[in-house]
Amino acid sequence: MIWMTSPTGPSRIGLIVPKFQSTAVARNRLRRRLREIWRRELQSVLPAGDLLIRARREAYGASFPALKDQLVTWSRQAVGPAVKDERPAVKGQGRAVKGEERAVKGEG
């Protein structure tokens, strides 16, 4: 995952979901799950910026709660704990966060 702060505009998400010998149905299901986690859990908590997620092969078999736990844990590590509906001011250039081996790959 790569997070870059942006002083203008709303938060955005970009998803990279490679084929990994999976069907289009499986790829689209994974995209929908990641977008829903973004919408429910992360968008209102993270400051304005861009988030790029590259899914790993293991993400296809992960349950929704497992994906949610990993993304919420990442968000706390990346930008610190935040209260819902509050957007803390973050200054400076974008930053990349490198995470552990997970279903959602951290690059930096």
N, C-alpha and C. Protein backbone atom coordinates (compact mmCIF):
# COMPACT_ATOMS: atom_id res chain seq x y z
N MET A 1 0.84 -1.17 0.00
CA MET A 1 0.00 0.00 0.00
C MET A 1 0.88 1.24 0.00
N ILE A 2 0.43 2.22 -0.72
CA ILE A 2 1.14 3.49 -0.76
C ILE A 2 0.13 4.58 -0.43
N TRP A 3 0.48 5.44 0.49
CA TRP A 3 -0.38 6.55 0.91
C TRP A 3 0.35 7.85 0.62
N MET A 4 -0.31 8.76 -0.09
CA MET A 4 0.26 10.08 -0.35
C MET A 4 -0.77 11.13 0.05
N THR A 5 -0.35 12.04 0.94
CA THR A 5 -1.27 13.09 1.36
C THR A 5 -1.47 14.07 0.22
N SER A 6 -2.63 14.70 0.21
CA SER A 6 -2.97 15.66 -0.83
C SER A 6 -3.71 16.81 -0.18
N PRO A 7 -3.22 18.04 -0.32
CA PRO A 7 -3.88 19.17 0.33
C PRO A 7 -5.19 19.57 -0.34
N THR A 8 -5.42 19.11 -1.54
CA THR A 8 -6.64 19.50 -2.24
C THR A 8 -7.47 18.28 -2.57
N GLY A 9 -8.76 18.45 -2.60
CA GLY A 9 -9.65 17.39 -3.04
C GLY A 9 -9.92 16.32 -2.01
N PRO A 10 -10.87 15.46 -2.31
CA PRO A 10 -11.23 14.38 -1.40
C PRO A 10 -10.23 13.23 -1.47
N SER A 11 -10.35 12.32 -0.51
CA SER A 11 -9.51 11.12 -0.52
C SER A 11 -9.93 10.23 -1.68
N ARG A 12 -8.93 9.56 -2.27
CA ARG A 12 -9.20 8.67 -3.39
C ARG A 12 -8.51 7.34 -3.16
N ILE A 13 -8.99 6.31 -3.85
CA ILE A 13 -8.39 4.98 -3.75
C ILE A 13 -8.10 4.46 -5.16
N GLY A 14 -6.98 3.78 -5.29
CA GLY A 14 -6.64 3.09 -6.52
C GLY A 14 -6.37 1.63 -6.19
N LEU A 15 -6.92 0.73 -6.99
CA LEU A 15 -6.76 -0.69 -6.72
C LEU A 15 -6.04 -1.38 -7.86
N ILE A 16 -5.06 -2.19 -7.51
CA ILE A 16 -4.38 -3.04 -8.47
C ILE A 16 -4.69 -4.47 -8.07
N VAL A 17 -5.46 -5.16 -8.90
CA VAL A 17 -5.87 -6.54 -8.61
C VAL A 17 -5.44 -7.39 -9.79
N PRO A 18 -4.24 -7.98 -9.73
CA PRO A 18 -3.74 -8.81 -10.82
C PRO A 18 -4.57 -10.08 -11.01
N LYS A 19 -4.40 -10.70 -12.15
CA LYS A 19 -5.20 -11.88 -12.49
C LYS A 19 -4.90 -13.08 -11.60
N PHE A 20 -3.63 -13.42 -11.40
CA PHE A 20 -3.24 -14.56 -10.57
C PHE A 20 -4.05 -15.81 -10.91
N GLN A 21 -4.30 -16.05 -12.17
CA GLN A 21 -5.06 -17.22 -12.63
C GLN A 21 -6.44 -17.28 -12.01
N SER A 22 -7.04 -16.12 -11.74
CA SER A 22 -8.39 -16.05 -11.19
C SER A 22 -9.34 -15.54 -12.26
N THR A 23 -10.60 -15.80 -12.05
CA THR A 23 -11.61 -15.36 -13.01
C THR A 23 -11.93 -13.89 -12.82
N ALA A 24 -12.59 -13.31 -13.80
CA ALA A 24 -13.01 -11.92 -13.71
C ALA A 24 -13.98 -11.73 -12.55
N VAL A 25 -14.78 -12.72 -12.29
CA VAL A 25 -15.73 -12.65 -11.17
C VAL A 25 -14.98 -12.52 -9.85
N ALA A 26 -13.92 -13.32 -9.67
CA ALA A 26 -13.13 -13.27 -8.44
C ALA A 26 -12.43 -11.92 -8.29
N ARG A 27 -11.87 -11.41 -9.39
CA ARG A 27 -11.19 -10.10 -9.34
C ARG A 27 -12.17 -9.00 -8.98
N ASN A 28 -13.34 -9.00 -9.60
CA ASN A 28 -14.33 -7.97 -9.32
C ASN A 28 -14.86 -8.07 -7.89
N ARG A 29 -15.01 -9.29 -7.38
CA ARG A 29 -15.46 -9.47 -6.00
C ARG A 29 -14.43 -8.88 -5.04
N LEU A 30 -13.15 -9.13 -5.29
CA LEU A 30 -12.09 -8.59 -4.44
C LEU A 30 -12.09 -7.06 -4.51
N ARG A 31 -12.23 -6.51 -5.71
CA ARG A 31 -12.30 -5.04 -5.85
C ARG A 31 -13.47 -4.46 -5.05
N ARG A 32 -14.63 -5.10 -5.17
CA ARG A 32 -15.82 -4.61 -4.43
C ARG A 32 -15.59 -4.66 -2.93
N ARG A 33 -14.97 -5.73 -2.46
CA ARG A 33 -14.69 -5.85 -1.02
C ARG A 33 -13.75 -4.74 -0.56
N LEU A 34 -12.68 -4.52 -1.30
CA LEU A 34 -11.72 -3.49 -0.91
C LEU A 34 -12.34 -2.09 -0.96
N ARG A 35 -13.15 -1.82 -1.99
CA ARG A 35 -13.83 -0.52 -2.07
C ARG A 35 -14.80 -0.31 -0.92
N GLU A 36 -15.50 -1.37 -0.53
CA GLU A 36 -16.45 -1.26 0.57
C GLU A 36 -15.74 -1.01 1.89
N ILE A 37 -14.62 -1.66 2.14
CA ILE A 37 -13.83 -1.40 3.34
C ILE A 37 -13.36 0.05 3.32
N TRP A 38 -12.91 0.52 2.18
CA TRP A 38 -12.49 1.91 2.03
C TRP A 38 -13.65 2.85 2.39
N ARG A 39 -14.81 2.58 1.84
CA ARG A 39 -15.96 3.46 2.05
C ARG A 39 -16.41 3.45 3.51
N ARG A 40 -16.51 2.28 4.13
CA ARG A 40 -17.02 2.16 5.49
C ARG A 40 -16.03 2.57 6.56
N GLU A 41 -14.78 2.14 6.42
CA GLU A 41 -13.82 2.25 7.52
C GLU A 41 -12.75 3.31 7.35
N LEU A 42 -12.25 3.51 6.14
CA LEU A 42 -11.04 4.32 5.98
C LEU A 42 -11.29 5.73 5.47
N GLN A 43 -12.20 5.91 4.57
CA GLN A 43 -12.37 7.20 3.90
C GLN A 43 -12.66 8.33 4.88
N SER A 44 -13.47 8.08 5.87
CA SER A 44 -13.83 9.13 6.82
C SER A 44 -12.75 9.35 7.87
N VAL A 45 -11.83 8.40 8.03
CA VAL A 45 -10.80 8.50 9.06
C VAL A 45 -9.50 9.10 8.53
N LEU A 46 -9.12 8.72 7.32
CA LEU A 46 -7.84 9.18 6.77
C LEU A 46 -7.92 10.63 6.32
N PRO A 47 -6.82 11.35 6.43
CA PRO A 47 -6.80 12.72 5.90
C PRO A 47 -6.88 12.68 4.37
N ALA A 48 -7.14 13.83 3.78
CA ALA A 48 -7.24 13.91 2.32
C ALA A 48 -5.95 13.37 1.69
N GLY A 49 -6.11 12.47 0.75
CA GLY A 49 -4.94 11.90 0.10
C GLY A 49 -5.33 10.79 -0.84
N ASP A 50 -4.33 10.14 -1.37
CA ASP A 50 -4.52 9.06 -2.33
C ASP A 50 -3.95 7.77 -1.74
N LEU A 51 -4.71 6.70 -1.83
CA LEU A 51 -4.28 5.40 -1.35
C LEU A 51 -4.24 4.44 -2.53
N LEU A 52 -3.11 3.78 -2.71
CA LEU A 52 -2.96 2.77 -3.76
C LEU A 52 -2.77 1.42 -3.09
N ILE A 53 -3.63 0.47 -3.42
CA ILE A 53 -3.56 -0.87 -2.85
C ILE A 53 -3.28 -1.86 -3.96
N ARG A 54 -2.25 -2.69 -3.75
CA ARG A 54 -1.95 -3.78 -4.67
C ARG A 54 -2.26 -5.07 -3.95
N ALA A 55 -3.27 -5.77 -4.41
CA ALA A 55 -3.69 -7.01 -3.77
C ALA A 55 -2.71 -8.14 -4.09
N ARG A 56 -2.51 -8.99 -3.12
CA ARG A 56 -1.67 -10.18 -3.30
C ARG A 56 -2.54 -11.38 -3.60
N ARG A 57 -1.93 -12.43 -4.02
CA ARG A 57 -2.64 -13.66 -4.37
C ARG A 57 -3.51 -14.16 -3.20
N GLU A 58 -3.01 -14.03 -1.96
CA GLU A 58 -3.72 -14.52 -0.78
C GLU A 58 -5.03 -13.75 -0.54
N ALA A 59 -5.14 -12.56 -1.08
CA ALA A 59 -6.33 -11.74 -0.85
C ALA A 59 -7.58 -12.36 -1.47
N TYR A 60 -7.41 -13.15 -2.53
CA TYR A 60 -8.57 -13.78 -3.16
C TYR A 60 -9.27 -14.74 -2.20
N GLY A 61 -8.52 -15.41 -1.35
CA GLY A 61 -9.10 -16.37 -0.43
C GLY A 61 -9.42 -15.79 0.94
N ALA A 62 -9.04 -14.54 1.18
CA ALA A 62 -9.26 -13.93 2.49
C ALA A 62 -10.73 -13.56 2.68
N SER A 63 -11.19 -13.67 3.90
CA SER A 63 -12.57 -13.28 4.20
C SER A 63 -12.66 -11.75 4.31
N PHE A 64 -13.88 -11.25 4.24
CA PHE A 64 -14.09 -9.80 4.36
C PHE A 64 -13.55 -9.28 5.69
N PRO A 65 -13.86 -9.94 6.84
CA PRO A 65 -13.32 -9.44 8.12
C PRO A 65 -11.79 -9.45 8.16
N ALA A 66 -11.15 -10.45 7.54
CA ALA A 66 -9.69 -10.51 7.52
C ALA A 66 -9.11 -9.34 6.72
N LEU A 67 -9.70 -9.05 5.55
CA LEU A 67 -9.24 -7.91 4.76
C LEU A 67 -9.45 -6.61 5.53
N LYS A 68 -10.60 -6.49 6.16
CA LYS A 68 -10.92 -5.29 6.93
C LYS A 68 -9.91 -5.08 8.05
N ASP A 69 -9.61 -6.13 8.80
CA ASP A 69 -8.65 -6.03 9.90
C ASP A 69 -7.28 -5.57 9.41
N GLN A 70 -6.84 -6.11 8.29
CA GLN A 70 -5.53 -5.73 7.77
C GLN A 70 -5.49 -4.28 7.33
N LEU A 71 -6.54 -3.83 6.65
CA LEU A 71 -6.56 -2.45 6.18
C LEU A 71 -6.71 -1.46 7.32
N VAL A 72 -7.52 -1.78 8.32
CA VAL A 72 -7.68 -0.89 9.47
C VAL A 72 -6.38 -0.83 10.27
N THR A 73 -5.73 -1.98 10.45
CA THR A 73 -4.44 -2.00 11.14
C THR A 73 -3.42 -1.16 10.38
N TRP A 74 -3.38 -1.30 9.07
CA TRP A 74 -2.46 -0.49 8.27
C TRP A 74 -2.73 1.00 8.45
N SER A 75 -4.01 1.39 8.43
CA SER A 75 -4.34 2.81 8.53
C SER A 75 -3.90 3.38 9.87
N ARG A 76 -4.00 2.59 10.93
CA ARG A 76 -3.55 3.06 12.25
C ARG A 76 -2.04 3.21 12.28
N GLN A 77 -1.33 2.31 11.63
CA GLN A 77 0.13 2.39 11.59
C GLN A 77 0.59 3.54 10.71
N ALA A 78 -0.11 3.77 9.62
CA ALA A 78 0.31 4.76 8.64
C ALA A 78 0.07 6.19 9.10
N VAL A 79 -1.12 6.45 9.60
CA VAL A 79 -1.47 7.83 9.95
C VAL A 79 -1.87 7.98 11.40
N GLY A 80 -1.73 6.94 12.18
CA GLY A 80 -2.05 7.01 13.59
C GLY A 80 -3.53 6.84 13.84
N PRO A 81 -3.88 6.59 15.11
CA PRO A 81 -5.30 6.43 15.44
C PRO A 81 -6.03 7.76 15.26
N ALA A 82 -7.18 7.69 14.66
CA ALA A 82 -7.98 8.89 14.45
C ALA A 82 -9.43 8.57 14.81
N VAL A 83 -10.12 9.59 15.24
CA VAL A 83 -11.53 9.42 15.56
C VAL A 83 -12.32 9.55 14.27
N LYS A 84 -13.35 8.72 14.11
CA LYS A 84 -14.16 8.79 12.90
C LYS A 84 -14.69 10.18 12.67
N ASP A 85 -14.80 10.56 11.42
CA ASP A 85 -15.33 11.85 10.97
C ASP A 85 -14.46 13.04 11.36
N GLU A 86 -13.25 12.79 11.81
CA GLU A 86 -12.30 13.87 12.02
C GLU A 86 -11.12 13.64 11.11
N ARG A 87 -10.72 14.67 10.40
CA ARG A 87 -9.60 14.56 9.48
C ARG A 87 -8.43 15.37 10.02
N PRO A 88 -7.44 14.72 10.63
CA PRO A 88 -6.30 15.45 11.15
C PRO A 88 -5.47 16.05 10.02
N ALA A 89 -4.90 17.20 10.29
CA ALA A 89 -4.06 17.85 9.28
C ALA A 89 -2.72 17.13 9.21
N VAL A 90 -2.32 16.76 8.01
CA VAL A 90 -1.03 16.11 7.78
C VAL A 90 -0.29 16.94 6.76
N LYS A 91 0.90 17.41 7.12
CA LYS A 91 1.67 18.25 6.22
C LYS A 91 2.83 17.47 5.64
N GLY A 92 3.37 17.98 4.56
CA GLY A 92 4.56 17.38 3.97
C GLY A 92 4.26 16.60 2.72
N GLN A 93 5.28 16.00 2.20
CA GLN A 93 5.17 15.20 0.99
C GLN A 93 4.49 13.89 1.30
N GLY A 94 4.13 13.17 0.25
CA GLY A 94 3.52 11.86 0.42
C GLY A 94 4.51 10.91 1.05
N ARG A 95 3.97 9.87 1.64
CA ARG A 95 4.86 8.90 2.25
C ARG A 95 4.36 7.50 1.92
N ALA A 96 5.30 6.61 1.80
CA ALA A 96 4.96 5.22 1.54
C ALA A 96 5.15 4.45 2.83
N VAL A 97 4.30 3.49 3.06
CA VAL A 97 4.38 2.68 4.26
C VAL A 97 4.62 1.25 3.85
N LYS A 98 5.65 0.65 4.42
CA LYS A 98 5.95 -0.74 4.09
C LYS A 98 5.46 -1.61 5.22
N GLY A 99 4.61 -2.57 4.90
CA GLY A 99 4.00 -3.41 5.93
C GLY A 99 4.58 -4.81 5.93
N GLU A 100 4.00 -5.65 6.77
CA GLU A 100 4.43 -7.03 6.88
C GLU A 100 3.87 -7.83 5.70
N GLU A 101 4.24 -9.10 5.65
CA GLU A 101 3.67 -9.98 4.63
C GLU A 101 2.20 -10.17 4.94
N ARG A 102 1.35 -9.72 4.07
CA ARG A 102 -0.08 -9.80 4.28
C ARG A 102 -0.77 -10.10 2.96
N ALA A 103 -2.07 -10.24 3.04
CA ALA A 103 -2.84 -10.47 1.81
C ALA A 103 -2.85 -9.24 0.93
N VAL A 104 -2.68 -8.07 1.53
CA VAL A 104 -2.59 -6.84 0.76
C VAL A 104 -1.15 -6.38 0.87
N LYS A 105 -0.47 -6.31 -0.25
CA LYS A 105 0.97 -6.06 -0.25
C LYS A 105 1.29 -4.63 0.09
N GLY A 106 2.29 -4.42 0.94
CA GLY A 106 2.78 -3.08 1.26
C GLY A 106 4.04 -2.81 0.49
N GLU A 107 4.04 -1.76 -0.30
CA GLU A 107 5.23 -1.40 -1.06
C GLU A 107 5.69 -0.03 -0.63
N GLY A 108 6.91 0.26 -0.76
CA GLY A 108 7.36 1.59 -0.37
C GLY A 108 8.65 1.95 -0.87
